[in-house]
Amino acid sequence: MSSLPLWAPDTALAGVEIRVSTREGGVSQFPYDSLNLADNVGDQAEFVTENRRRLAEALPGDAVCWLNQIHGVEAVEGKMGIVPEADAHWTEARNLPLAVLTADCLPVVLMARDASCVGIAHAGWRGLAAGVLESLLSAMPAEPASMTAWLGPAISAAAYEVGPEVKMTFEQHSGEESGDCFQASHSQGYWMANLPVLARRRLSRAGVPAITGGGRCTHGEPEQFFSHRRDGPTTGRMATLVWLS
């Protein structure tokens, strides 16, 4: 394995490994510097290929399961060599890293407490409101009550101003449960949305009893994380990964 700098949060769950890439350790040039892992944001293809090679070298099996993310709710079983159009995947296989790419959206890891299966979802506000977490829970071969969830780095409520249509969408899907996840912005008619709390509500409602993480803000850590809201549309993506060891 390579010495690529990856964040390894303490999940205290035996048999499960989580890693989060940072901006460090890659070859991409400004404004994608340096470990951009997305192949659809305008970065040079050869740089992305090298960055993904370095990431794979730092993981078991020297390969990663990727998705073609579309802000939807499709959840599929992870398969090496296949890149499906989906926003969540899961596996029962050992040493098979599953990845989602983000730059403000919320990565959500689901783990069976007996380490029999793991899954991960890309939860931007559209996918979160439409039910990507519930879709992943339904697809996985374990009951929600036997699951633990971990929330990765995402934009925090202090930096995430949204329009009234976002709040309305959540209210239509979740009713009163999402109301206090939106605080009035200084801009009239706009709201500050709390993605981690919205995800916690959805997970708890679905029956997941233990939820951790959600404390790191992509917008507020420019040296570590890419942020679409902070940097604009021309920026890179980090990977959050999970696998059974």
Protein backbone atom coordinates (compact mmCIF):
# COMPACT_ATOMS: atom_id res chain seq x y z
CA MET A 1 0.00 0.00 0.00
CA SER A 2 1.11 3.60 -0.65
CA SER A 3 1.53 6.34 1.95
CA LEU A 4 -1.24 8.53 0.51
CA PRO A 5 -2.66 10.71 3.33
CA LEU A 6 -6.16 9.47 4.12
CA TRP A 7 -8.31 10.37 7.11
CA ALA A 8 -9.29 7.29 9.12
CA PRO A 9 -12.13 8.20 11.53
CA ASP A 10 -12.55 6.06 14.62
CA THR A 11 -15.80 4.13 14.13
CA ALA A 12 -15.07 1.62 16.93
CA LEU A 13 -16.66 -1.13 14.81
CA ALA A 14 -14.47 -4.22 14.39
CA GLY A 15 -14.21 -5.54 10.86
CA VAL A 16 -15.10 -2.26 9.11
CA GLU A 17 -12.68 0.32 7.71
CA ILE A 18 -13.53 3.89 6.63
CA ARG A 19 -11.22 6.31 4.87
CA VAL A 20 -11.70 9.85 3.52
CA SER A 21 -9.33 11.37 0.99
CA THR A 22 -8.18 14.97 1.36
CA ARG A 23 -6.81 17.41 -1.21
CA GLU A 24 -3.27 16.18 -0.53
CA GLY A 25 -1.16 13.62 -2.35
CA GLY A 26 -2.23 13.97 -5.99
CA VAL A 27 -0.96 15.43 -9.25
CA SER A 28 -3.86 17.64 -10.41
CA GLN A 29 -3.13 21.32 -11.02
CA PHE A 30 -5.04 24.43 -9.87
CA PRO A 31 -7.98 24.62 -9.28
CA TYR A 32 -8.19 20.83 -8.84
CA ASP A 33 -5.07 20.62 -6.73
CA SER A 34 -4.12 18.09 -5.92
CA LEU A 35 -5.94 14.79 -5.26
CA ASN A 36 -9.04 15.32 -7.40
CA LEU A 37 -10.71 11.94 -7.90
CA ALA A 38 -13.61 12.95 -10.17
CA ASP A 39 -13.39 12.32 -13.91
CA ASN A 40 -16.32 14.58 -14.85
CA VAL A 41 -15.35 18.02 -13.50
CA GLY A 42 -13.00 19.24 -16.24
CA ASP A 43 -9.69 18.01 -14.84
CA GLN A 44 -7.19 16.39 -17.22
CA ALA A 45 -7.94 12.69 -17.63
CA GLU A 46 -4.34 11.59 -17.09
CA PHE A 47 -4.20 13.43 -13.76
CA VAL A 48 -7.41 11.80 -12.52
CA THR A 49 -6.17 8.38 -13.62
CA GLU A 50 -2.94 8.84 -11.67
CA ASN A 51 -4.80 10.14 -8.61
CA ARG A 52 -7.12 7.12 -8.66
CA ARG A 53 -4.14 4.81 -9.07
CA ARG A 54 -2.52 6.32 -5.99
CA LEU A 55 -5.73 5.95 -4.03
CA ALA A 56 -6.16 2.31 -5.07
CA GLU A 57 -2.59 1.56 -3.99
CA ALA A 58 -3.45 2.79 -0.49
CA LEU A 59 -6.39 0.38 -0.18
CA PRO A 60 -6.79 -3.39 0.03
CA GLY A 61 -7.10 -5.15 -3.30
CA ASP A 62 -5.57 -2.21 -5.22
CA ALA A 63 -8.95 -1.28 -6.73
CA VAL A 64 -12.05 0.80 -5.90
CA CYS A 65 -15.75 0.45 -6.73
CA TRP A 66 -16.96 3.76 -8.22
CA LEU A 67 -20.40 5.09 -9.13
CA ASN A 68 -21.70 7.44 -11.82
CA GLN A 69 -23.54 9.69 -9.37
CA ILE A 70 -26.65 11.56 -10.53
CA HIS A 71 -28.21 12.91 -7.29
CA GLY A 72 -30.75 10.09 -7.39
CA VAL A 73 -31.84 7.29 -5.07
CA GLU A 74 -30.68 4.12 -6.86
CA ALA A 75 -28.77 1.69 -4.59
CA VAL A 76 -26.89 -1.25 -6.11
CA GLU A 77 -24.62 -4.06 -5.03
CA GLY A 78 -20.98 -3.08 -5.49
CA LYS A 79 -19.22 -4.94 -8.30
CA MET A 80 -15.59 -4.51 -9.32
CA GLY A 81 -15.16 -3.29 -12.89
CA ILE A 82 -18.74 -2.00 -13.19
CA VAL A 83 -19.60 1.70 -12.76
CA PRO A 84 -23.40 1.88 -12.49
CA GLU A 85 -25.53 5.00 -12.59
CA ALA A 86 -26.47 5.15 -8.92
CA ASP A 87 -25.87 7.14 -5.74
CA ALA A 88 -25.41 4.31 -3.24
CA HIS A 89 -23.91 0.85 -3.16
CA TRP A 90 -23.34 -1.98 -0.69
CA THR A 91 -21.40 -5.23 -0.36
CA GLU A 92 -20.94 -8.37 1.72
CA ALA A 93 -17.53 -9.02 0.15
CA ARG A 94 -14.30 -8.55 2.08
CA ASN A 95 -11.64 -6.03 1.08
CA LEU A 96 -13.83 -4.43 -1.59
CA PRO A 97 -13.69 -0.63 -1.08
CA LEU A 98 -16.88 1.22 -2.01
CA ALA A 99 -16.51 4.94 -2.82
CA VAL A 100 -18.67 8.02 -3.22
CA LEU A 101 -17.38 11.40 -4.38
CA THR A 102 -18.37 14.67 -2.72
CA ALA A 103 -17.47 18.36 -2.48
CA ASP A 104 -20.15 19.57 0.01
CA CYS A 105 -22.74 16.78 -0.32
CA LEU A 106 -22.95 14.36 2.59
CA PRO A 107 -21.34 10.89 2.42
CA VAL A 108 -23.25 8.43 4.61
CA VAL A 109 -21.76 5.07 5.60
CA LEU A 110 -23.99 2.23 6.83
CA MET A 111 -22.47 -0.73 8.68
CA ALA A 112 -24.05 -3.88 10.08
CA ARG A 113 -22.82 -4.17 13.66
CA ASP A 114 -21.80 -7.79 13.05
CA ALA A 115 -19.70 -6.60 10.07
CA SER A 116 -21.69 -8.77 7.66
CA CYS A 117 -22.25 -5.94 5.17
CA VAL A 118 -21.50 -2.26 4.56
CA GLY A 119 -22.92 0.42 2.29
CA ILE A 120 -22.34 4.04 1.39
CA ALA A 121 -24.53 6.79 -0.09
CA HIS A 122 -23.95 10.14 -1.77
CA ALA A 123 -26.54 12.35 -0.08
CA GLY A 124 -26.90 15.81 -1.54
CA TRP A 125 -30.10 17.59 -0.68
CA ARG A 126 -31.97 16.18 -3.70
CA GLY A 127 -31.05 12.58 -3.02
CA LEU A 128 -31.53 12.95 0.71
CA ALA A 129 -35.02 14.40 0.29
CA ALA A 130 -35.99 11.81 -2.33
CA GLY A 131 -34.92 8.86 -0.15
CA VAL A 132 -31.42 7.67 -1.08
CA LEU A 133 -30.73 6.57 2.51
CA GLU A 134 -33.96 4.63 2.72
CA SER A 135 -33.18 3.06 -0.66
CA LEU A 136 -29.78 1.90 0.54
CA LEU A 137 -31.24 0.50 3.77
CA SER A 138 -33.84 -1.43 1.79
CA ALA A 139 -31.21 -2.88 -0.54
CA MET A 140 -28.81 -4.08 2.14
CA PRO A 141 -29.15 -7.62 3.59
CA ALA A 142 -29.48 -6.47 7.20
CA GLU A 143 -32.21 -4.85 9.26
CA PRO A 144 -31.92 -1.12 10.03
CA ALA A 145 -32.05 -1.92 13.76
CA SER A 146 -28.77 -3.82 13.39
CA MET A 147 -27.03 -0.92 11.64
CA THR A 148 -24.66 1.84 12.64
CA ALA A 149 -24.35 4.96 10.48
CA TRP A 150 -21.41 7.35 10.11
CA LEU A 151 -21.69 10.80 8.50
CA GLY A 152 -18.64 12.11 6.65
CA PRO A 153 -17.46 15.65 5.88
CA ALA A 154 -20.08 17.91 4.28
CA ILE A 155 -21.03 21.55 4.16
CA SER A 156 -22.26 22.77 7.55
CA ALA A 157 -25.44 24.71 8.27
CA ALA A 158 -23.41 27.88 8.87
CA ALA A 159 -22.30 27.88 5.21
CA TYR A 160 -25.22 26.27 3.40
CA GLU A 161 -27.79 28.85 2.32
CA VAL A 162 -30.65 27.42 0.24
CA GLY A 163 -33.78 28.72 -1.41
CA PRO A 164 -37.35 28.10 -0.27
CA GLU A 165 -37.78 25.24 -2.76
CA VAL A 166 -35.28 23.12 -0.80
CA LYS A 167 -37.10 23.58 2.49
CA MET A 168 -40.43 22.95 0.77
CA THR A 169 -39.14 19.71 -0.77
CA PHE A 170 -38.11 18.33 2.62
CA GLU A 171 -41.38 19.41 4.19
CA GLN A 172 -43.29 17.55 1.49
CA HIS A 173 -41.30 14.38 2.16
CA SER A 174 -40.84 14.58 5.94
CA GLY A 175 -43.44 17.01 7.24
CA GLU A 176 -42.75 18.55 10.60
CA GLU A 177 -39.65 16.40 11.22
CA SER A 178 -37.44 18.61 9.03
CA GLY A 179 -38.73 21.99 10.20
CA ASP A 180 -36.02 22.77 12.75
CA CYS A 181 -33.29 21.68 10.33
CA PHE A 182 -33.68 25.03 8.55
CA GLN A 183 -32.86 28.36 10.17
CA ALA A 184 -33.78 31.69 8.59
CA SER A 185 -30.90 33.26 6.67
CA HIS A 186 -29.92 36.93 6.75
CA SER A 187 -31.12 36.98 3.13
CA GLN A 188 -34.88 37.33 3.13
CA GLY A 189 -36.67 34.22 1.93
CA TYR A 190 -33.59 31.99 2.22
CA TRP A 191 -32.64 29.34 4.76
CA MET A 192 -29.54 27.78 6.29
CA ALA A 193 -29.91 24.02 5.82
CA ASN A 194 -28.34 21.41 8.11
CA LEU A 195 -27.61 18.35 5.96
CA PRO A 196 -26.16 16.18 8.78
CA VAL A 197 -29.17 16.75 11.00
CA LEU A 198 -31.55 16.09 8.11
CA ALA A 199 -29.72 12.80 7.49
CA ARG A 200 -29.86 11.87 11.17
CA ARG A 201 -33.61 12.44 11.16
CA ARG A 202 -34.11 10.25 8.09
CA LEU A 203 -31.91 7.48 9.47
CA SER A 204 -33.58 7.52 12.88
CA ARG A 205 -37.00 7.47 11.27
CA ALA A 206 -35.93 4.43 9.23
CA GLY A 207 -34.89 2.59 12.39
CA VAL A 208 -31.10 3.06 12.56
CA PRO A 209 -30.32 3.37 16.30
CA ALA A 210 -26.70 4.56 16.28
CA ILE A 211 -25.45 7.51 14.20
CA THR A 212 -22.05 9.18 14.56
CA GLY A 213 -19.90 11.68 12.65
CA GLY A 214 -21.10 14.76 10.82
CA GLY A 215 -18.78 17.20 12.59
CA ARG A 216 -16.44 18.30 9.79
CA CYS A 217 -17.32 21.08 7.33
CA THR A 218 -15.99 20.93 3.77
CA HIS A 219 -16.60 24.66 3.28
CA GLY A 220 -14.62 25.59 6.39
CA GLU A 221 -11.51 23.46 5.79
CA PRO A 222 -10.05 24.65 2.46
CA GLU A 223 -6.65 23.04 3.07
CA GLN A 224 -8.23 19.64 3.52
CA PHE A 225 -11.42 19.49 1.46
CA PHE A 226 -12.88 20.58 -1.86
CA SER A 227 -16.08 22.66 -1.63
CA HIS A 228 -18.39 23.44 -4.53
CA ARG A 229 -20.10 26.22 -2.59
CA ARG A 230 -16.80 27.84 -1.58
CA ASP A 231 -14.75 27.33 -4.76
CA GLY A 232 -17.43 27.42 -7.44
CA PRO A 233 -18.25 24.78 -10.07
CA THR A 234 -14.61 24.32 -11.11
CA THR A 235 -13.24 22.25 -8.25
CA GLY A 236 -12.28 18.68 -7.40
CA ARG A 237 -13.93 15.92 -5.41
CA MET A 238 -12.89 13.84 -2.39
CA ALA A 239 -13.71 10.18 -1.89
CA THR A 240 -15.25 8.59 1.18
CA LEU A 241 -14.65 4.84 1.22
CA VAL A 242 -15.79 1.88 3.30
CA TRP A 243 -14.91 -1.81 3.20
CA LEU A 244 -15.11 -5.00 5.25
CA SER A 245 -11.69 -6.04 6.51
